[in-house]
Amino acid sequence: MDRAKAIGTYEVSKGPEICDLLGPPRPATHARLDQILEEEAKLPVDRLVAECLEGVQPERFKADRAPGSLQAPAETAR
């Protein structure tokens, strides 16, 4: 608390929580499937996916073992 007072954030931090001020007074804690589907239908999913993929660059990785293998390669004899 001393640090918050020293840097001038104590008054803000002592409450109420910002989320409490911005959120609904009685938030739903169990959404109905029909409500979820209705809200999801409003999303421009194709555009969102396209925007996310715009900057994607493929990368190649060199594996030390065969694909799907969980064991490290056997050591070679010297």
PDB file of N, CA and C in Angstrom:
ATOM      1  N   MET A   1       0.821  -1.193   0.000  1.00  0.00           N
ATOM      2  CA  MET A   1       0.000   0.000   0.000  1.00  0.00           C
ATOM      3  C   MET A   1       0.860   1.250   0.000  1.00  0.00           C
ATOM      4  N   ASP A   2       2.001   1.164   0.706  1.00  0.00           N
ATOM      5  CA  ASP A   2       2.889   2.329   0.734  1.00  0.00           C
ATOM      6  C   ASP A   2       3.384   2.658  -0.659  1.00  0.00           C
ATOM      7  N   ARG A   3       3.714   1.621  -1.442  1.00  0.00           N
ATOM      8  CA  ARG A   3       4.202   1.842  -2.809  1.00  0.00           C
ATOM      9  C   ARG A   3       3.103   2.473  -3.660  1.00  0.00           C
ATOM     10  N   ALA A   4       1.866   1.959  -3.530  1.00  0.00           N
ATOM     11  CA  ALA A   4       0.747   2.518  -4.294  1.00  0.00           C
ATOM     12  C   ALA A   4       0.533   3.986  -3.942  1.00  0.00           C
ATOM     13  N   LYS A   5       0.659   4.317  -2.683  1.00  0.00           N
ATOM     14  CA  LYS A   5       0.521   5.723  -2.277  1.00  0.00           C
ATOM     15  C   LYS A   5       1.657   6.554  -2.852  1.00  0.00           C
ATOM     16  N   ALA A   6       2.867   5.992  -2.855  1.00  0.00           N
ATOM     17  CA  ALA A   6       4.034   6.717  -3.345  1.00  0.00           C
ATOM     18  C   ALA A   6       3.942   7.010  -4.848  1.00  0.00           C
ATOM     19  N   ILE A   7       3.362   6.093  -5.599  1.00  0.00           N
ATOM     20  CA  ILE A   7       3.292   6.308  -7.050  1.00  0.00           C
ATOM     21  C   ILE A   7       1.942   6.862  -7.505  1.00  0.00           C
ATOM     22  N   GLY A   8       1.058   7.130  -6.530  1.00  0.00           N
ATOM     23  CA  GLY A   8      -0.193   7.797  -6.854  1.00  0.00           C
ATOM     24  C   GLY A   8      -1.316   6.912  -7.364  1.00  0.00           C
ATOM     25  N   THR A   9      -1.243   5.603  -7.082  1.00  0.00           N
ATOM     26  CA  THR A   9      -2.304   4.707  -7.560  1.00  0.00           C
ATOM     27  C   THR A   9      -3.193   4.173  -6.437  1.00  0.00           C
ATOM     28  N   TYR A  10      -2.924   4.564  -5.220  1.00  0.00           N
ATOM     29  CA  TYR A  10      -3.675   4.011  -4.093  1.00  0.00           C
ATOM     30  C   TYR A  10      -5.164   4.326  -4.157  1.00  0.00           C
ATOM     31  N   GLU A  11      -5.523   5.553  -4.442  1.00  0.00           N
ATOM     32  CA  GLU A  11      -6.937   5.935  -4.452  1.00  0.00           C
ATOM     33  C   GLU A  11      -7.732   5.131  -5.478  1.00  0.00           C
ATOM     34  N   VAL A  12      -7.124   4.900  -6.626  1.00  0.00           N
ATOM     35  CA  VAL A  12      -7.796   4.125  -7.665  1.00  0.00           C
ATOM     36  C   VAL A  12      -7.891   2.656  -7.266  1.00  0.00           C
ATOM     37  N   SER A  13      -6.831   2.138  -6.634  1.00  0.00           N
ATOM     38  CA  SER A  13      -6.780   0.709  -6.336  1.00  0.00           C
ATOM     39  C   SER A  13      -7.633   0.281  -5.153  1.00  0.00           C
ATOM     40  N   LYS A  14      -8.072   1.214  -4.343  1.00  0.00           N
ATOM     41  CA  LYS A  14      -8.835   0.790  -3.168  1.00  0.00           C
ATOM     42  C   LYS A  14     -10.299   0.486  -3.481  1.00  0.00           C
ATOM     43  N   GLY A  15     -10.703   0.604  -4.746  1.00  0.00           N
ATOM     44  CA  GLY A  15     -12.026   0.136  -5.140  1.00  0.00           C
ATOM     45  C   GLY A  15     -12.916   1.242  -5.618  1.00  0.00           C
ATOM     46  N   PRO A  16     -14.086   0.987  -6.110  1.00  0.00           N
ATOM     47  CA  PRO A  16     -14.522  -0.360  -6.491  1.00  0.00           C
ATOM     48  C   PRO A  16     -13.791  -0.846  -7.739  1.00  0.00           C
ATOM     49  N   GLU A  17     -13.836  -2.147  -7.959  1.00  0.00           N
ATOM     50  CA  GLU A  17     -13.190  -2.719  -9.131  1.00  0.00           C
ATOM     51  C   GLU A  17     -13.804  -2.136 -10.394  1.00  0.00           C
ATOM     52  N   ILE A  18     -12.984  -1.865 -11.370  1.00  0.00           N
ATOM     53  CA  ILE A  18     -13.458  -1.311 -12.637  1.00  0.00           C
ATOM     54  C   ILE A  18     -14.415  -2.292 -13.311  1.00  0.00           C
ATOM     55  N   CYS A  19     -14.109  -3.578 -13.255  1.00  0.00           N
ATOM     56  CA  CYS A  19     -14.990  -4.574 -13.878  1.00  0.00           C
ATOM     57  C   CYS A  19     -16.384  -4.526 -13.256  1.00  0.00           C
ATOM     58  N   ASP A  20     -16.428  -4.275 -11.959  1.00  0.00           N
ATOM     59  CA  ASP A  20     -17.729  -4.182 -11.299  1.00  0.00           C
ATOM     60  C   ASP A  20     -18.524  -2.995 -11.830  1.00  0.00           C
ATOM     61  N   LEU A  21     -17.842  -1.922 -12.150  1.00  0.00           N
ATOM     62  CA  LEU A  21     -18.520  -0.730 -12.650  1.00  0.00           C
ATOM     63  C   LEU A  21     -19.002  -0.902 -14.088  1.00  0.00           C
ATOM     64  N   LEU A  22     -18.222  -1.613 -14.902  1.00  0.00           N
ATOM     65  CA  LEU A  22     -18.537  -1.738 -16.315  1.00  0.00           C
ATOM     66  C   LEU A  22     -19.459  -2.904 -16.640  1.00  0.00           C
ATOM     67  N   GLY A  23     -19.463  -3.913 -15.795  1.00  0.00           N
ATOM     68  CA  GLY A  23     -20.250  -5.108 -16.075  1.00  0.00           C
ATOM     69  C   GLY A  23     -21.701  -4.956 -15.695  1.00  0.00           C
ATOM     70  N   PRO A  24     -22.518  -5.919 -16.116  1.00  0.00           N
ATOM     71  CA  PRO A  24     -23.938  -5.884 -15.766  1.00  0.00           C
ATOM     72  C   PRO A  24     -24.124  -6.153 -14.273  1.00  0.00           C
ATOM     73  N   PRO A  25     -25.207  -5.647 -13.689  1.00  0.00           N
ATOM     74  CA  PRO A  25     -25.416  -5.834 -12.256  1.00  0.00           C
ATOM     75  C   PRO A  25     -25.652  -7.305 -11.888  1.00  0.00           C
ATOM     76  N   ARG A  26     -26.223  -8.063 -12.796  1.00  0.00           N
ATOM     77  CA  ARG A  26     -26.470  -9.488 -12.549  1.00  0.00           C
ATOM     78  C   ARG A  26     -26.006 -10.300 -13.755  1.00  0.00           C
ATOM     79  N   PRO A  27     -24.699 -10.583 -13.848  1.00  0.00           N
ATOM     80  CA  PRO A  27     -24.195 -11.308 -15.013  1.00  0.00           C
ATOM     81  C   PRO A  27     -24.710 -12.745 -15.049  1.00  0.00           C
ATOM     82  N   ALA A  28     -24.958 -13.228 -16.254  1.00  0.00           N
ATOM     83  CA  ALA A  28     -25.389 -14.612 -16.426  1.00  0.00           C
ATOM     84  C   ALA A  28     -24.199 -15.523 -16.195  1.00  0.00           C
ATOM     85  N   THR A  29     -24.409 -16.573 -15.470  1.00  0.00           N
ATOM     86  CA  THR A  29     -23.332 -17.527 -15.224  1.00  0.00           C
ATOM     87  C   THR A  29     -23.574 -18.852 -15.931  1.00  0.00           C
ATOM     88  N   HIS A  30     -24.747 -19.028 -16.508  1.00  0.00           N
ATOM     89  CA  HIS A  30     -25.082 -20.237 -17.256  1.00  0.00           C
ATOM     90  C   HIS A  30     -25.794 -19.823 -18.546  1.00  0.00           C
ATOM     91  N   ALA A  31     -25.014 -19.711 -19.609  1.00  0.00           N
ATOM     92  CA  ALA A  31     -25.599 -19.298 -20.878  1.00  0.00           C
ATOM     93  C   ALA A  31     -26.367 -20.451 -21.508  1.00  0.00           C
ATOM     94  N   ARG A  32     -27.410 -20.112 -22.222  1.00  0.00           N
ATOM     95  CA  ARG A  32     -28.192 -21.117 -22.952  1.00  0.00           C
ATOM     96  C   ARG A  32     -27.572 -21.291 -24.326  1.00  0.00           C
ATOM     97  N   LEU A  33     -27.604 -22.515 -24.843  1.00  0.00           N
ATOM     98  CA  LEU A  33     -27.002 -22.806 -26.136  1.00  0.00           C
ATOM     99  C   LEU A  33     -27.602 -21.951 -27.238  1.00  0.00           C
ATOM    100  N   ASP A  34     -28.908 -21.740 -27.221  1.00  0.00           N
ATOM    101  CA  ASP A  34     -29.523 -20.927 -28.275  1.00  0.00           C
ATOM    102  C   ASP A  34     -28.989 -19.494 -28.243  1.00  0.00           C
ATOM    103  N   GLN A  35     -28.713 -18.965 -27.062  1.00  0.00           N
ATOM    104  CA  GLN A  35     -28.150 -17.623 -26.951  1.00  0.00           C
ATOM    105  C   GLN A  35     -26.718 -17.583 -27.482  1.00  0.00           C
ATOM    106  N   ILE A  36     -25.952 -18.602 -27.175  1.00  0.00           N
ATOM    107  CA  ILE A  36     -24.571 -18.676 -27.646  1.00  0.00           C
ATOM    108  C   ILE A  36     -24.539 -18.722 -29.172  1.00  0.00           C
ATOM    109  N   LEU A  37     -25.356 -19.587 -29.755  1.00  0.00           N
ATOM    110  CA  LEU A  37     -25.387 -19.720 -31.211  1.00  0.00           C
ATOM    111  C   LEU A  37     -25.848 -18.432 -31.879  1.00  0.00           C
ATOM    112  N   GLU A  38     -26.786 -17.760 -31.265  1.00  0.00           N
ATOM    113  CA  GLU A  38     -27.275 -16.478 -31.806  1.00  0.00           C
ATOM    114  C   GLU A  38     -26.163 -15.434 -31.817  1.00  0.00           C
ATOM    115  N   GLU A  39     -25.410 -15.352 -30.732  1.00  0.00           N
ATOM    116  CA  GLU A  39     -24.312 -14.384 -30.658  1.00  0.00           C
ATOM    117  C   GLU A  39     -23.172 -14.760 -31.603  1.00  0.00           C
ATOM    118  N   GLU A  40     -22.849 -16.048 -31.683  1.00  0.00           N
ATOM    119  CA  GLU A  40     -21.789 -16.491 -32.591  1.00  0.00           C
ATOM    120  C   GLU A  40     -22.141 -16.194 -34.045  1.00  0.00           C
ATOM    121  N   ALA A  41     -23.412 -16.280 -34.381  1.00  0.00           N
ATOM    122  CA  ALA A  41     -23.853 -16.027 -35.756  1.00  0.00           C
ATOM    123  C   ALA A  41     -23.592 -14.579 -36.170  1.00  0.00           C
ATOM    124  N   LYS A  42     -23.440 -13.687 -35.212  1.00  0.00           N
ATOM    125  CA  LYS A  42     -23.173 -12.277 -35.500  1.00  0.00           C
ATOM    126  C   LYS A  42     -21.714 -12.019 -35.854  1.00  0.00           C
ATOM    127  N   LEU A  43     -20.842 -12.985 -35.579  1.00  0.00           N
ATOM    128  CA  LEU A  43     -19.418 -12.803 -35.823  1.00  0.00           C
ATOM    129  C   LEU A  43     -19.064 -13.032 -37.282  1.00  0.00           C
ATOM    130  N   PRO A  44     -18.229 -12.174 -37.849  1.00  0.00           N
ATOM    131  CA  PRO A  44     -17.762 -12.373 -39.225  1.00  0.00           C
ATOM    132  C   PRO A  44     -16.584 -13.348 -39.229  1.00  0.00           C
ATOM    133  N   VAL A  45     -16.860 -14.626 -39.006  1.00  0.00           N
ATOM    134  CA  VAL A  45     -15.813 -15.628 -38.806  1.00  0.00           C
ATOM    135  C   VAL A  45     -14.846 -15.695 -39.991  1.00  0.00           C
ATOM    136  N   ASP A  46     -15.360 -15.707 -41.215  1.00  0.00           N
ATOM    137  CA  ASP A  46     -14.480 -15.789 -42.385  1.00  0.00           C
ATOM    138  C   ASP A  46     -13.489 -14.629 -42.410  1.00  0.00           C
ATOM    139  N   ARG A  47     -13.964 -13.426 -42.130  1.00  0.00           N
ATOM    140  CA  ARG A  47     -13.081 -12.258 -42.120  1.00  0.00           C
ATOM    141  C   ARG A  47     -12.063 -12.347 -40.987  1.00  0.00           C
ATOM    142  N   LEU A  48     -12.500 -12.769 -39.807  1.00  0.00           N
ATOM    143  CA  LEU A  48     -11.592 -12.884 -38.663  1.00  0.00           C
ATOM    144  C   LEU A  48     -10.489 -13.895 -38.928  1.00  0.00           C
ATOM    145  N   VAL A  49     -10.843 -15.030 -39.508  1.00  0.00           N
ATOM    146  CA  VAL A  49      -9.840 -16.048 -39.826  1.00  0.00           C
ATOM    147  C   VAL A  49      -8.870 -15.510 -40.872  1.00  0.00           C
ATOM    148  N   ALA A  50      -9.397 -14.866 -41.905  1.00  0.00           N
ATOM    149  CA  ALA A  50      -8.547 -14.319 -42.960  1.00  0.00           C
ATOM    150  C   ALA A  50      -7.573 -13.285 -42.391  1.00  0.00           C
ATOM    151  N   GLU A  51      -8.036 -12.425 -41.513  1.00  0.00           N
ATOM    152  CA  GLU A  51      -7.169 -11.415 -40.909  1.00  0.00           C
ATOM    153  C   GLU A  51      -6.080 -12.061 -40.064  1.00  0.00           C
ATOM    154  N   CYS A  52      -6.428 -13.117 -39.356  1.00  0.00           N
ATOM    155  CA  CYS A  52      -5.437 -13.807 -38.519  1.00  0.00           C
ATOM    156  C   CYS A  52      -4.369 -14.482 -39.368  1.00  0.00           C
ATOM    157  N   LEU A  53      -4.767 -14.968 -40.527  1.00  0.00           N
ATOM    158  CA  LEU A  53      -3.834 -15.712 -41.366  1.00  0.00           C
ATOM    159  C   LEU A  53      -3.031 -14.831 -42.315  1.00  0.00           C
ATOM    160  N   GLU A  54      -3.365 -13.557 -42.428  1.00  0.00           N
ATOM    161  CA  GLU A  54      -2.675 -12.672 -43.362  1.00  0.00           C
ATOM    162  C   GLU A  54      -1.164 -12.631 -43.157  1.00  0.00           C
ATOM    163  N   GLY A  55      -0.723 -12.560 -41.937  1.00  0.00           N
ATOM    164  CA  GLY A  55       0.712 -12.426 -41.668  1.00  0.00           C
ATOM    165  C   GLY A  55       1.426 -13.731 -41.386  1.00  0.00           C
ATOM    166  N   VAL A  56       0.769 -14.847 -41.569  1.00  0.00           N
ATOM    167  CA  VAL A  56       1.375 -16.137 -41.250  1.00  0.00           C
ATOM    168  C   VAL A  56       2.439 -16.480 -42.282  1.00  0.00           C
ATOM    169  N   GLN A  57       3.598 -16.896 -41.797  1.00  0.00           N
ATOM    170  CA  GLN A  57       4.684 -17.332 -42.660  1.00  0.00           C
ATOM    171  C   GLN A  57       4.997 -18.788 -42.326  1.00  0.00           C
ATOM    172  N   PRO A  58       5.066 -19.654 -43.333  1.00  0.00           N
ATOM    173  CA  PRO A  58       5.398 -21.055 -43.049  1.00  0.00           C
ATOM    174  C   PRO A  58       6.841 -21.184 -42.566  1.00  0.00           C
ATOM    175  N   GLU A  59       7.086 -22.133 -41.710  1.00  0.00           N
ATOM    176  CA  GLU A  59       8.426 -22.391 -41.209  1.00  0.00           C
ATOM    177  C   GLU A  59       8.704 -23.875 -41.306  1.00  0.00           C
ATOM    178  N   ARG A  60       9.958 -24.215 -41.517  1.00  0.00           N
ATOM    179  CA  ARG A  60      10.369 -25.619 -41.550  1.00  0.00           C
ATOM    180  C   ARG A  60      11.241 -25.884 -40.338  1.00  0.00           C
ATOM    181  N   PHE A  61      11.030 -27.025 -39.746  1.00  0.00           N
ATOM    182  CA  PHE A  61      11.811 -27.423 -38.585  1.00  0.00           C
ATOM    183  C   PHE A  61      12.515 -28.733 -38.902  1.00  0.00           C
ATOM    184  N   LYS A  62      13.742 -28.852 -38.453  1.00  0.00           N
ATOM    185  CA  LYS A  62      14.488 -30.077 -38.651  1.00  0.00           C
ATOM    186  C   LYS A  62      14.325 -30.910 -37.388  1.00  0.00           C
ATOM    187  N   ALA A  63      13.816 -32.138 -37.568  1.00  0.00           N
ATOM    188  CA  ALA A  63      13.576 -33.012 -36.432  1.00  0.00           C
ATOM    189  C   ALA A  63      14.790 -33.895 -36.179  1.00  0.00           C
ATOM    190  N   ASP A  64      15.034 -34.206 -34.910  1.00  0.00           N
ATOM    191  CA  ASP A  64      16.105 -35.127 -34.547  1.00  0.00           C
ATOM    192  C   ASP A  64      15.613 -36.564 -34.562  1.00  0.00           C
ATOM    193  N   ARG A  65      14.349 -36.763 -34.818  1.00  0.00           N
ATOM    194  CA  ARG A  65      13.767 -38.112 -34.829  1.00  0.00           C
ATOM    195  C   ARG A  65      12.683 -38.179 -35.890  1.00  0.00           C
ATOM    196  N   ALA A  66      12.275 -39.371 -36.161  1.00  0.00           N
ATOM    197  CA  ALA A  66      11.260 -39.589 -37.185  1.00  0.00           C
ATOM    198  C   ALA A  66       9.934 -38.987 -36.727  1.00  0.00           C
ATOM    199  N   PRO A  67       9.133 -38.476 -37.667  1.00  0.00           N
ATOM    200  CA  PRO A  67       7.823 -37.933 -37.291  1.00  0.00           C
ATOM    201  C   PRO A  67       7.002 -38.982 -36.552  1.00  0.00           C
ATOM    202  N   GLY A  68       6.395 -38.596 -35.467  1.00  0.00           N
ATOM    203  CA  GLY A  68       5.557 -39.496 -34.680  1.00  0.00           C
ATOM    204  C   GLY A  68       6.327 -40.322 -33.675  1.00  0.00           C
ATOM    205  N   SER A  69       7.643 -40.320 -33.751  1.00  0.00           N
ATOM    206  CA  SER A  69       8.461 -41.105 -32.826  1.00  0.00           C
ATOM    207  C   SER A  69       8.658 -40.322 -31.537  1.00  0.00           C
ATOM    208  N   LEU A  70       8.512 -41.020 -30.425  1.00  0.00           N
ATOM    209  CA  LEU A  70       8.726 -40.368 -29.133  1.00  0.00           C
ATOM    210  C   LEU A  70      10.121 -40.639 -28.592  1.00  0.00           C
ATOM    211  N   GLN A  71      10.875 -41.507 -29.272  1.00  0.00           N
ATOM    212  CA  GLN A  71      12.206 -41.855 -28.792  1.00  0.00           C
ATOM    213  C   GLN A  71      13.262 -41.067 -29.547  1.00  0.00           C
ATOM    214  N   ALA A  72      14.312 -40.686 -28.834  1.00  0.00           N
ATOM    215  CA  ALA A  72      15.431 -39.998 -29.458  1.00  0.00           C
ATOM    216  C   ALA A  72      16.160 -40.990 -30.353  1.00  0.00           C
ATOM    217  N   PRO A  73      16.885 -40.525 -31.366  1.00  0.00           N
ATOM    218  CA  PRO A  73      17.618 -41.452 -32.242  1.00  0.00           C
ATOM    219  C   PRO A  73      18.700 -42.178 -31.476  1.00  0.00           C
ATOM    220  N   ALA A  74      19.016 -43.390 -31.916  1.00  0.00           N
ATOM    221  CA  ALA A  74      20.060 -44.188 -31.254  1.00  0.00           C
ATOM    222  C   ALA A  74      21.409 -43.541 -31.506  1.00  0.00           C
ATOM    223  N   GLU A  75      22.275 -43.612 -30.518  1.00  0.00           N
ATOM    224  CA  GLU A  75      23.614 -43.058 -30.653  1.00  0.00           C
ATOM    225  C   GLU A  75      24.412 -43.907 -31.644  1.00  0.00           C
ATOM    226  N   THR A  76      25.222 -43.271 -32.447  1.00  0.00           N
ATOM    227  CA  THR A  76      26.043 -44.017 -33.400  1.00  0.00           C
ATOM    228  C   THR A  76      27.294 -44.536 -32.701  1.00  0.00           C
ATOM    229  N   ALA A  77      27.778 -45.704 -33.127  1.00  0.00           N
ATOM    230  CA  ALA A  77      28.972 -46.298 -32.531  1.00  0.00           C
ATOM    231  C   ALA A  77      30.192 -45.473 -32.918  1.00  0.00           C
ATOM    232  N   ARG A  78      31.193 -45.437 -32.024  1.00  0.00           N
ATOM    233  CA  ARG A  78      32.402 -44.644 -32.289  1.00  0.00           C
ATOM    234  C   ARG A  78      33.518 -45.505 -32.741  1.00  0.00           C
TER     235      ARG A  78
END
